[in-house]
C-alpha atoms as a PDB file:
ATOM      1  CA  MET A   1     -12.805  13.061   5.363  1.00  0.00           C
ATOM      2  CA  TYR A   2     -10.365  10.922   7.315  1.00  0.00           C
ATOM      3  CA  LEU A   3      -9.579   7.575   5.657  1.00  0.00           C
ATOM      4  CA  GLY A   4      -6.590   6.453   7.686  1.00  0.00           C
ATOM      5  CA  ARG A   5      -4.064   4.537   5.621  1.00  0.00           C
ATOM      6  CA  ILE A   6      -4.643   4.385   1.857  1.00  0.00           C
ATOM      7  CA  ILE A   7      -3.466   1.996  -0.874  1.00  0.00           C
ATOM      8  CA  SER A   8      -3.841   2.500  -4.607  1.00  0.00           C
ATOM      9  CA  ALA A   9      -2.755   0.152  -7.400  1.00  0.00           C
ATOM     10  CA  GLY A  10      -3.256  -0.786 -11.038  1.00  0.00           C
ATOM     11  CA  LEU A  11      -2.342   1.224 -14.117  1.00  0.00           C
ATOM     12  CA  THR A  12      -1.569   4.939 -14.131  1.00  0.00           C
ATOM     13  CA  GLU A  13      -3.349   7.289 -16.505  1.00  0.00           C
ATOM     14  CA  ASP A  14      -0.633   6.588 -19.101  1.00  0.00           C
ATOM     15  CA  LYS A  15      -0.891   2.805 -18.539  1.00  0.00           C
ATOM     16  CA  LYS A  16       2.147   2.154 -16.354  1.00  0.00           C
ATOM     17  CA  PRO A  17       1.782  -0.472 -13.611  1.00  0.00           C
ATOM     18  CA  TYR A  18       2.033   1.122 -10.172  1.00  0.00           C
ATOM     19  CA  VAL A  19       1.436   0.702  -6.455  1.00  0.00           C
ATOM     20  CA  ALA A  20       1.195   3.542  -3.948  1.00  0.00           C
ATOM     21  CA  TYR A  21       0.612   3.904  -0.226  1.00  0.00           C
ATOM     22  CA  ARG A  22      -0.107   6.827   2.087  1.00  0.00           C
ATOM     23  CA  VAL A  23       0.122   6.909   5.840  1.00  0.00           C
ATOM     24  CA  SER A  24      -2.522   9.168   7.339  1.00  0.00           C
ATOM     25  CA  SER A  25      -2.632   9.452  11.101  1.00  0.00           C
ATOM     26  CA  ARG A  26      -4.126  11.488  13.901  1.00  0.00           C
ATOM     27  CA  SER A  27      -2.511   9.512  16.741  1.00  0.00           C
ATOM     28  CA  PHE A  28       1.028   8.839  15.445  1.00  0.00           C
ATOM     29  CA  PRO A  29       1.981  11.509  12.869  1.00  0.00           C
ATOM     30  CA  ASN A  30       5.716  11.392  13.634  1.00  0.00           C
ATOM     31  CA  ARG A  31       6.584   8.730  11.089  1.00  0.00           C
ATOM     32  CA  GLN A  32       8.497   8.576   7.847  1.00  0.00           C
ATOM     33  CA  VAL A  33       9.055   6.270   4.903  1.00  0.00           C
ATOM     34  CA  LYS A  34      12.476   4.738   4.275  1.00  0.00           C
ATOM     35  CA  ALA A  35      12.752   3.666   0.638  1.00  0.00           C
ATOM     36  CA  LEU A  36      15.450   1.314  -0.661  1.00  0.00           C
ATOM     37  CA  GLU A  37      15.985  -0.288  -4.068  1.00  0.00           C
ATOM     38  CA  ASP A  38      13.613  -3.253  -3.633  1.00  0.00           C
ATOM     39  CA  GLU A  39      11.642  -2.414  -0.502  1.00  0.00           C
ATOM     40  CA  ALA A  40      10.361   0.340   1.741  1.00  0.00           C
ATOM     41  CA  ALA A  41       9.391   0.642   5.391  1.00  0.00           C
ATOM     42  CA  ILE A  42       7.421   2.946   7.651  1.00  0.00           C
ATOM     43  CA  ILE A  43       9.462   3.905  10.726  1.00  0.00           C
ATOM     44  CA  PRO A  44       9.280   6.528  13.502  1.00  0.00           C
ATOM     45  CA  LYS A  45      11.041   9.821  12.934  1.00  0.00           C
ATOM     46  CA  GLU A  46      14.238  10.421  14.841  1.00  0.00           C
ATOM     47  CA  GLY A  47      13.372  11.226  18.435  1.00  0.00           C
ATOM     48  CA  PHE A  48      10.077   9.309  18.339  1.00  0.00           C
ATOM     49  CA  GLU A  49      11.442   5.754  18.367  1.00  0.00           C
ATOM     50  CA  LYS A  50       9.674   5.039  21.663  1.00  0.00           C
ATOM     51  CA  ASP A  51       6.313   5.330  19.895  1.00  0.00           C
ATOM     52  CA  ILE A  52       6.627   1.675  18.875  1.00  0.00           C
ATOM     53  CA  PHE A  53       6.201   0.734  22.538  1.00  0.00           C
ATOM     54  CA  LYS A  54       2.891   2.603  22.574  1.00  0.00           C
ATOM     55  CA  ASN A  55       1.633   0.904  19.416  1.00  0.00           C
ATOM     56  CA  THR A  56       3.423  -2.037  17.810  1.00  0.00           C
ATOM     57  CA  TYR A  57       1.560  -1.551  14.524  1.00  0.00           C
ATOM     58  CA  ILE A  58       3.147   1.769  13.538  1.00  0.00           C
ATOM     59  CA  ALA A  59       6.433   0.410  12.086  1.00  0.00           C
ATOM     60  CA  TYR A  60       6.550  -2.200   9.308  1.00  0.00           C
ATOM     61  CA  ASN A  61       7.727  -3.050   5.815  1.00  0.00           C
ATOM     62  CA  CYS A  62       5.134  -1.502   3.514  1.00  0.00           C
ATOM     63  CA  LEU A  63       6.531  -2.398   0.076  1.00  0.00           C
ATOM     64  CA  LYS A  64       8.515  -5.271  -1.401  1.00  0.00           C
ATOM     65  CA  ILE A  65       9.524  -6.225  -4.924  1.00  0.00           C
ATOM     66  CA  VAL A  66       9.730  -9.880  -5.998  1.00  0.00           C
ATOM     67  CA  ASP A  67      10.994 -10.057  -9.599  1.00  0.00           C
ATOM     68  CA  ASP A  68       8.312  -8.225 -11.633  1.00  0.00           C
ATOM     69  CA  ILE A  69       5.782  -8.205  -8.788  1.00  0.00           C
ATOM     70  CA  ALA A  70       5.175  -5.362  -6.314  1.00  0.00           C
ATOM     71  CA  ILE A  71       3.552  -6.035  -2.943  1.00  0.00           C
ATOM     72  CA  ILE A  72       2.271  -3.118  -0.861  1.00  0.00           C
ATOM     73  CA  SER A  73       0.356  -3.026   2.415  1.00  0.00           C
ATOM     74  CA  ASN A  74      -0.386  -1.116   5.604  1.00  0.00           C
ATOM     75  CA  GLY A  75       1.315  -3.539   7.973  1.00  0.00           C
ATOM     76  CA  SER A  76       3.393  -6.615   8.674  1.00  0.00           C
ATOM     77  CA  GLN A  77       1.397  -8.640   6.144  1.00  0.00           C
ATOM     78  CA  THR A  78       3.715  -7.319   3.414  1.00  0.00           C
ATOM     79  CA  ASP A  79       6.368  -9.912   4.239  1.00  0.00           C
ATOM     80  CA  PRO A  80       4.209 -13.071   4.251  1.00  0.00           C
ATOM     81  CA  ILE A  81       2.505 -12.038   1.009  1.00  0.00           C
ATOM     82  CA  ALA A  82       5.910 -11.534  -0.621  1.00  0.00           C
ATOM     83  CA  ASP A  83       7.228 -14.807   0.828  1.00  0.00           C
ATOM     84  CA  LYS A  84       4.280 -16.828  -0.496  1.00  0.00           C
ATOM     85  CA  ILE A  85       4.660 -15.291  -3.952  1.00  0.00           C
ATOM     86  CA  ALA A  86       8.421 -15.944  -3.947  1.00  0.00           C
ATOM     87  CA  LEU A  87       7.668 -19.601  -3.163  1.00  0.00           C
ATOM     88  CA  GLY A  88       5.374 -19.847  -6.189  1.00  0.00           C
ATOM     89  CA  MET A  89       1.873 -19.259  -4.788  1.00  0.00           C
ATOM     90  CA  ASN A  90      -0.370 -17.321  -7.174  1.00  0.00           C
ATOM     91  CA  ILE A  91      -1.083 -13.680  -6.364  1.00  0.00           C
ATOM     92  CA  ARG A  92      -4.738 -14.020  -5.428  1.00  0.00           C
ATOM     93  CA  ASP A  93      -4.132 -16.914  -3.049  1.00  0.00           C
ATOM     94  CA  ALA A  94      -1.021 -15.342  -1.468  1.00  0.00           C
ATOM     95  CA  LEU A  95      -2.942 -12.142  -0.798  1.00  0.00           C
ATOM     96  CA  THR A  96      -6.042 -13.924   0.518  1.00  0.00           C
ATOM     97  CA  TYR A  97      -4.141 -16.421   2.662  1.00  0.00           C
ATOM     98  CA  SER A  98      -1.966 -13.758   4.279  1.00  0.00           C
ATOM     99  CA  LEU A  99      -4.854 -11.405   5.042  1.00  0.00           C
ATOM    100  CA  ILE A 100      -6.913 -14.207   6.588  1.00  0.00           C
ATOM    101  CA  THR A 101      -3.949 -15.488   8.600  1.00  0.00           C
ATOM    102  CA  MET A 102      -2.837 -12.073   9.890  1.00  0.00           C
ATOM    103  CA  ASP A 103      -6.426 -10.839  10.410  1.00  0.00           C
ATOM    104  CA  TYR A 104      -7.300  -7.235  11.286  1.00  0.00           C
ATOM    105  CA  GLU A 105      -5.056  -5.362  13.709  1.00  0.00           C
ATOM    106  CA  LYS A 106      -5.959  -5.898  17.343  1.00  0.00           C
ATOM    107  CA  ASP A 107      -5.641  -2.243  18.319  1.00  0.00           C
ATOM    108  CA  ASP A 108      -8.233   0.077  19.868  1.00  0.00           C
ATOM    109  CA  TYR A 109      -9.926   0.539  16.484  1.00  0.00           C
ATOM    110  CA  ASN A 110      -9.750  -3.010  15.072  1.00  0.00           C
ATOM    111  CA  THR A 111      -7.943  -1.408  12.145  1.00  0.00           C
ATOM    112  CA  PRO A 112      -8.345  -3.368   8.901  1.00  0.00           C
ATOM    113  CA  ARG A 113      -5.347  -4.726   7.041  1.00  0.00           C
ATOM    114  CA  ILE A 114      -5.196  -3.656   3.405  1.00  0.00           C
ATOM    115  CA  ALA A 115      -2.863  -4.767   0.623  1.00  0.00           C
ATOM    116  CA  ALA A 116      -2.365  -4.820  -3.127  1.00  0.00           C
ATOM    117  CA  VAL A 117      -0.200  -6.821  -5.501  1.00  0.00           C
ATOM    118  CA  VAL A 118       0.672  -5.936  -9.097  1.00  0.00           C
ATOM    119  CA  LYS A 119       2.477  -8.205 -11.556  1.00  0.00           C
ATOM    120  CA  ALA A 120       3.917  -6.024 -14.314  1.00  0.00           C
ATOM    121  CA  ASN A 121       4.644  -8.727 -16.919  1.00  0.00           C
ATOM    122  CA  LYS A 122       3.129  -7.543 -20.227  1.00  0.00           C
ATOM    123  CA  ASN A 123       2.163 -11.099 -21.155  1.00  0.00           C
ATOM    124  CA  ASP A 124       0.667 -11.851 -17.736  1.00  0.00           C
ATOM    125  CA  TYR A 125      -0.342  -8.554 -16.144  1.00  0.00           C
ATOM    126  CA  GLN A 126      -2.278  -9.003 -12.913  1.00  0.00           C
ATOM    127  CA  ALA A 127      -3.419  -6.637 -10.181  1.00  0.00           C
ATOM    128  CA  TYR A 128      -5.316  -7.460  -6.986  1.00  0.00           C
ATOM    129  CA  ILE A 129      -6.383  -5.405  -4.001  1.00  0.00           C
ATOM    130  CA  GLY A 130      -7.753  -6.671  -0.703  1.00  0.00           C
ATOM    131  CA  ILE A 131      -8.862  -5.979   2.842  1.00  0.00           C
ATOM    132  CA  VAL A 132      -9.637  -7.886   6.016  1.00  0.00           C
ATOM    133  CA  THR A 133     -11.821  -6.267   8.682  1.00  0.00           C
ATOM    134  CA  GLU A 134     -13.492  -7.629  11.796  1.00  0.00           C
ATOM    135  CA  SER A 135     -16.538  -8.433   9.631  1.00  0.00           C
ATOM    136  CA  LYS A 136     -15.240  -9.372   6.177  1.00  0.00           C
ATOM    137  CA  ILE A 137     -12.434 -10.512   3.904  1.00  0.00           C
ATOM    138  CA  LEU A 138     -12.379  -9.207   0.339  1.00  0.00           C
ATOM    139  CA  VAL A 139      -9.825  -9.764  -2.429  1.00  0.00           C
ATOM    140  CA  GLU A 140     -10.718  -8.263  -5.785  1.00  0.00           C
ATOM    141  CA  LYS A 141      -9.027  -8.279  -9.167  1.00  0.00           C
ATOM    142  CA  ILE A 142      -8.417  -4.822 -10.613  1.00  0.00           C
ATOM    143  CA  SER A 143      -9.534  -4.526 -14.245  1.00  0.00           C
ATOM    144  CA  ASN A 144      -6.631  -4.655 -16.684  1.00  0.00           C
ATOM    145  CA  ASP A 145      -6.996  -1.030 -17.789  1.00  0.00           C
ATOM    146  CA  LYS A 146      -8.034   0.478 -14.463  1.00  0.00           C
ATOM    147  CA  ALA A 147      -6.734   1.559 -11.059  1.00  0.00           C
ATOM    148  CA  SER A 148      -8.332   1.269  -7.630  1.00  0.00           C
ATOM    149  CA  PHE A 149      -7.859   2.501  -4.097  1.00  0.00           C
ATOM    150  CA  ILE A 150      -8.937   1.293  -0.666  1.00  0.00           C
ATOM    151  CA  SER A 151      -8.455   2.575   2.881  1.00  0.00           C
ATOM    152  CA  THR A 152      -8.602   1.416   6.461  1.00  0.00           C
ATOM    153  CA  TYR A 153     -11.566   3.669   7.269  1.00  0.00           C
ATOM    154  CA  GLU A 154     -14.618   4.746   5.250  1.00  0.00           C
ATOM    155  CA  LYS A 155     -13.498   3.271   1.910  1.00  0.00           C
ATOM    156  CA  ASN A 156     -13.468  -0.452   2.781  1.00  0.00           C
ATOM    157  CA  THR A 157     -14.442  -1.524  -0.741  1.00  0.00           C
ATOM    158  CA  PRO A 158     -12.151  -0.802  -3.720  1.00  0.00           C
ATOM    159  CA  GLU A 159     -13.080   2.271  -5.751  1.00  0.00           C
ATOM    160  CA  GLU A 160     -11.857   3.217  -9.207  1.00  0.00           C
ATOM    161  CA  VAL A 161      -9.462   6.148  -9.441  1.00  0.00           C
ATOM    162  CA  VAL A 162      -7.534   7.979 -12.153  1.00  0.00           C
ATOM    163  CA  PHE A 163      -3.917   7.955 -10.999  1.00  0.00           C
ATOM    164  CA  LYS A 164      -1.881  10.703 -12.664  1.00  0.00           C
ATOM    165  CA  ALA A 165       1.849  10.009 -12.348  1.00  0.00           C
ATOM    166  CA  THR A 166       4.674   9.157 -14.718  1.00  0.00           C
ATOM    167  CA  THR A 167       7.415   8.679 -12.119  1.00  0.00           C
ATOM    168  CA  PRO A 168       7.419   7.177  -8.609  1.00  0.00           C
ATOM    169  CA  GLU A 169       8.168  10.641  -7.204  1.00  0.00           C
ATOM    170  CA  GLU A 170       5.008  11.950  -8.865  1.00  0.00           C
ATOM    171  CA  GLY A 171       3.154   8.892  -7.578  1.00  0.00           C
ATOM    172  CA  CYS A 172       4.156   9.736  -4.006  1.00  0.00           C
ATOM    173  CA  GLU A 173       2.965  13.310  -4.413  1.00  0.00           C
ATOM    174  CA  PHE A 174      -0.281  12.287  -6.099  1.00  0.00           C
ATOM    175  CA  ILE A 175      -1.452   9.903  -3.392  1.00  0.00           C
ATOM    176  CA  PHE A 176      -0.250  12.335  -0.720  1.00  0.00           C
ATOM    177  CA  ASP A 177      -2.448  15.298  -1.636  1.00  0.00           C
ATOM    178  CA  LYS A 178      -3.464  15.455  -5.305  1.00  0.00           C
ATOM    179  CA  GLY A 179      -6.447  14.433  -7.391  1.00  0.00           C
ATOM    180  CA  THR A 180      -8.968  12.288  -5.535  1.00  0.00           C
ATOM    181  CA  PHE A 181      -6.636  12.060  -2.537  1.00  0.00           C
ATOM    182  CA  LYS A 182      -6.351  15.791  -1.788  1.00  0.00           C
ATOM    183  CA  GLU A 183      -9.679  15.794   0.080  1.00  0.00           C
ATOM    184  CA  PHE A 184      -8.556  13.169   2.601  1.00  0.00           C
ATOM    185  CA  GLU A 185      -7.173  14.474   5.887  1.00  0.00           C
ATOM    186  CA  HIS A 186      -4.010  14.084   7.974  1.00  0.00           C
ATOM    187  CA  PRO A 187      -1.430  12.828   5.427  1.00  0.00           C
ATOM    188  CA  VAL A 188       1.907  11.888   7.009  1.00  0.00           C
ATOM    189  CA  CYS A 189       4.134  10.302   4.341  1.00  0.00           C
ATOM    190  CA  SER A 190       3.839   8.240   1.164  1.00  0.00           C
ATOM    191  CA  VAL A 191       5.607   5.722  -1.026  1.00  0.00           C
ATOM    192  CA  ALA A 192       5.106   4.633  -4.630  1.00  0.00           C
ATOM    193  CA  ALA A 193       6.606   2.287  -7.196  1.00  0.00           C
ATOM    194  CA  ILE A 194       6.110   2.517 -10.951  1.00  0.00           C
ATOM    195  CA  PHE A 195       7.181  -0.121 -13.455  1.00  0.00           C
ATOM    196  CA  ASP A 196       9.327   1.181 -16.313  1.00  0.00           C
ATOM    197  CA  GLU A 197      11.363  -1.824 -17.519  1.00  0.00           C
ATOM    198  CA  LYS A 198      11.748  -2.521 -13.792  1.00  0.00           C
ATOM    199  CA  TRP A 199      10.086  -1.408 -10.565  1.00  0.00           C
ATOM    200  CA  ILE A 200      11.415   1.907  -9.282  1.00  0.00           C
ATOM    201  CA  ILE A 201      10.565   2.989  -5.724  1.00  0.00           C
ATOM    202  CA  SER A 202      10.392   6.459  -4.206  1.00  0.00           C
ATOM    203  CA  GLY A 203       9.319   7.785  -0.810  1.00  0.00           C
ATOM    204  CA  TYR A 204       7.974  11.177   0.217  1.00  0.00           C
ATOM    205  CA  ASN A 205       8.457  12.733   3.653  1.00  0.00           C
ATOM    206  CA  PRO A 206       7.171  16.315   3.841  1.00  0.00           C
ATOM    207  CA  LYS A 207       9.240  18.804   5.797  1.00  0.00           C
END
């Protein structure tokens, strides 16, 4: 089954807050994740930079950290969600407002925008996941002891998942091709962040 881009978030099997994202693509597979300390981006591989002129949606910041909050998405909505949260807007409203404002991608497939936000504070843990399509907007709270995933195609409503990873490197590998995610086609690259005293980010680019 082809799901396109996939986001998963919530608590791992051993109860660590996490976010994870996988690029799956049939049209633009020549992309990679660039992970830094507090953010990550999806960019073309060397030699394929001109692909952004064919489709402006293929390069974007996919992950940002704001204090103890991780924001992850499949497009340029990552930045406005993070900005609203940094300015003090609550997570649910920042996610909803940004998805409504950005709307679905105006490409050949009307690709939905998906995003998740996890606040890792033990005294105020919160996790939300959302999507905007050409026919709906949905922002849903993830249960405090659960994890969910959503995708741009087929899985447009959050589904529970058991996410088995203790490190961000394992998180990248898990969403790339393990567990529930191994049956989904055309993986390209992945990124994950797991909270262990602080958010730690890792990216995975297969050779």
